[in-house]
Each structure stands twice: as structure tokens, then as C-alpha cells.
Amino acid sequence: MEDKFYQPNYGDDDVITFNSSEMCKFGRFKQVLQSALQSKLPDTLVEYLEAQGITGTSIREYQKGSFRVENYNRKWFIDGKNCEILSIGAGGWQKGKLRIKFTLEFCPDEPEVEELTQSNDVEINQTESPLDDIRQLMSKDTQ
């Protein structure tokens, strides 16, 4: 099966609905989704990674002038986490940041083909094609 999802480029004033009775602007939906991704999800993600033995994923910063350590796991989705990657065939470790980014993808439903029943025959109603004029001219030339 072919993957027909793509990243839509909808504007903030475009409208989205999930149950056909309530709608919201796409910009508002993106804001709420971004907020959700930066509030609870980062801590849950880090806890899960560390429970699976992938340690060092937490982002903590020490506050100057105090002994407090602040948790900044949301930076996974904003600035990224410092890391080093050793790729096969590379000349060594490459320092950088790894950021988690989510994308919204959309897959339009297939258009329904109208079926017309005439005298026990089923015909498919097709939309006019720009090639119809050329086909008519070609059929006249062959007659």
C-alpha cells in the first residue's frame, strides 16, 4: 500500500474538526499541540528512556547562586540535547545537538466515484478531461 500522507501547509486561519460538530482554527490546534509536547511529554520521554537503560538523556541546569537544579527536558523539543555521534565510515565522533521534532501529516480520502444505474448496466460518471476535445477530433479523423 502506498503511503499517501504528506505534510500540509495549512494557514493559521484554516479550520480543522475531528467530530464535525466542533471546529478550531489550525493555528490554535498547533499552539495547543506544541504546548502539550513541551509540558508533560519531555519528562515522560526521559523517564522511559532511562528505564530502558538509555541514560544521560535528562537536561538539567544549575541555577546560579543556589544549589537548585532545574529540569529542562522540554529543550529536547526546542534547542535539542548535546550529544556526539559516531557514524560508520566517518572519521570520528561528531559533536552536535539532537532535537526531537514532530510533524503533522495528512492523507486525503479517495474521492468517491458516483455510480449511475441505467437499464441494468452500471456506468461510472467521469469528470470531463481536457483531453476529451482532442479525443473527439481524433475519432472524427479516423471515420
Protein backbone atom coordinates (compact mmCIF):
# COMPACT_ATOMS: atom_id res chain seq x y z
CA MET A 1 0.00 0.00 0.00
CA GLU A 2 1.35 3.39 -1.00
CA ASP A 3 1.89 5.95 1.77
CA LYS A 4 -0.16 8.98 0.72
CA PHE A 5 0.48 11.10 3.79
CA TYR A 6 2.13 14.46 3.31
CA GLN A 7 2.94 17.48 5.45
CA PRO A 8 0.17 20.01 4.89
CA ASN A 9 0.93 23.69 4.68
CA TYR A 10 -2.29 24.96 6.21
CA GLY A 11 -2.55 28.55 7.39
CA ASP A 12 -3.35 29.55 10.95
CA ASP A 13 -6.88 30.61 9.90
CA ASP A 14 -7.72 27.29 8.19
CA VAL A 15 -10.19 25.19 10.17
CA ILE A 16 -9.95 21.61 11.47
CA THR A 17 -12.61 19.35 13.00
CA PHE A 18 -12.46 15.84 14.44
CA ASN A 19 -16.14 15.23 15.11
CA SER A 20 -17.94 17.56 12.66
CA SER A 21 -19.71 19.43 15.46
CA GLU A 22 -16.79 21.37 16.92
CA MET A 23 -14.14 23.20 14.94
CA CYS A 24 -10.99 25.11 15.74
CA LYS A 25 -8.53 27.13 13.73
CA PHE A 26 -5.44 25.22 12.64
CA GLY A 27 -3.17 27.82 14.28
CA ARG A 28 -4.84 27.25 17.66
CA PHE A 29 -4.57 23.47 17.23
CA LYS A 30 -0.81 23.78 16.54
CA GLN A 31 -0.33 26.04 19.60
CA VAL A 32 -2.10 23.61 21.95
CA LEU A 33 -0.24 20.64 20.46
CA GLN A 34 3.11 22.43 20.89
CA SER A 35 2.24 23.26 24.49
CA ALA A 36 1.31 19.63 25.21
CA LEU A 37 4.55 18.38 23.67
CA GLN A 38 6.60 20.73 25.84
CA SER A 39 4.82 20.18 29.16
CA LYS A 40 4.39 16.52 30.22
CA LEU A 41 5.84 14.60 27.29
CA PRO A 42 9.53 15.55 27.75
CA ASP A 43 9.71 14.25 31.34
CA THR A 44 7.79 11.09 30.42
CA LEU A 45 10.14 10.51 27.47
CA VAL A 46 13.29 10.91 29.58
CA GLU A 47 11.90 8.64 32.32
CA TYR A 48 11.09 5.96 29.74
CA LEU A 49 14.50 6.19 28.02
CA GLU A 50 16.32 5.90 31.34
CA ALA A 51 14.12 2.95 32.41
CA GLN A 52 15.23 1.24 29.17
CA GLY A 53 18.90 1.79 30.05
CA ILE A 54 19.49 4.84 27.85
CA THR A 55 20.98 7.19 30.43
CA GLY A 56 22.18 10.77 30.29
CA THR A 57 19.10 11.98 28.43
CA SER A 58 17.90 14.36 31.13
CA ILE A 59 18.58 18.08 30.64
CA ARG A 60 19.29 19.76 33.96
CA GLU A 61 20.69 23.20 34.61
CA TYR A 62 22.11 24.55 37.85
CA GLN A 63 20.73 27.89 38.99
CA LYS A 64 23.48 30.43 39.73
CA GLY A 65 23.66 31.48 43.35
CA SER A 66 21.71 28.47 44.62
CA PHE A 67 22.02 24.73 44.86
CA ARG A 68 18.81 24.14 42.90
CA VAL A 69 18.79 22.01 39.80
CA GLU A 70 16.06 22.80 37.28
CA ASN A 71 14.71 20.19 34.90
CA TYR A 72 14.69 21.42 31.29
CA ASN A 73 13.71 18.27 29.41
CA ARG A 74 11.40 20.38 27.20
CA LYS A 75 14.57 21.61 25.48
CA TRP A 76 14.61 18.25 23.65
CA PHE A 77 11.86 19.81 21.51
CA ILE A 78 13.27 23.36 21.35
CA ASP A 79 17.07 23.60 21.39
CA GLY A 80 17.98 19.91 21.40
CA LYS A 81 20.28 17.86 23.66
CA ASN A 82 24.06 17.94 23.34
CA CYS A 83 25.44 14.66 22.04
CA GLU A 84 28.16 13.03 19.97
CA ILE A 85 27.50 10.64 17.08
CA LEU A 86 29.91 8.10 15.63
CA SER A 87 28.75 7.16 12.16
CA ILE A 88 30.10 4.18 10.22
CA GLY A 89 32.70 5.40 7.75
CA ALA A 90 33.09 8.77 9.47
CA GLY A 91 36.48 9.99 10.64
CA GLY A 92 35.48 10.12 14.30
CA TRP A 93 32.92 11.42 16.72
CA GLN A 94 30.86 14.41 15.61
CA LYS A 95 29.59 16.77 18.31
CA GLY A 96 26.23 18.44 17.96
CA LYS A 97 22.68 18.51 19.23
CA LEU A 98 19.84 16.06 18.73
CA ARG A 99 16.34 17.54 18.63
CA ILE A 100 13.02 15.73 18.61
CA LYS A 101 10.59 17.16 16.11
CA PHE A 102 7.06 16.01 15.44
CA THR A 103 5.32 16.60 12.15
CA LEU A 104 1.66 16.57 11.31
CA GLU A 105 0.81 14.63 8.19
CA PHE A 106 -2.44 14.43 6.28
CA CYS A 107 -3.81 11.76 3.96
CA PRO A 108 -6.85 12.82 1.93
CA ASP A 109 -9.61 10.26 1.46
CA GLU A 110 -10.01 8.88 -2.03
CA PRO A 111 -12.80 10.68 -3.89
CA GLU A 112 -15.92 8.58 -4.22
CA VAL A 113 -16.89 7.61 -7.75
CA GLU A 114 -20.60 8.09 -8.44
CA GLU A 115 -22.33 5.10 -9.92
CA LEU A 116 -25.35 5.52 -12.18
CA THR A 117 -27.66 2.61 -12.93
CA GLN A 118 -29.38 2.60 -16.32
CA SER A 119 -31.23 -0.44 -17.65
CA ASN A 120 -29.28 -2.99 -15.58
CA ASP A 121 -25.92 -1.52 -16.70
CA VAL A 122 -23.65 0.27 -14.25
CA GLU A 123 -21.82 3.25 -15.67
CA ILE A 124 -19.18 5.29 -13.89
CA ASN A 125 -19.67 9.04 -14.08
CA GLN A 126 -16.30 10.54 -15.00
CA THR A 127 -15.44 14.21 -14.87
CA GLU A 128 -14.61 15.95 -18.11
CA SER A 129 -11.00 15.73 -19.12
CA PRO A 130 -9.07 18.40 -21.02
CA LEU A 131 -8.21 15.59 -23.43
CA ASP A 132 -11.88 14.98 -24.38
CA ASP A 133 -11.74 17.62 -27.17
CA ILE A 134 -8.61 16.02 -28.62
CA ARG A 135 -10.19 12.55 -28.47
CA GLN A 136 -13.26 13.81 -30.34
CA LEU A 137 -11.09 15.36 -33.06
CA MET A 138 -9.08 12.14 -33.38
CA SER A 139 -12.22 10.00 -33.67
CA LYS A 140 -13.60 12.30 -36.42
CA ASP A 141 -10.33 11.99 -38.36
CA THR A 142 -10.43 8.18 -38.26
CA GLN A 143 -14.01 7.98 -39.55
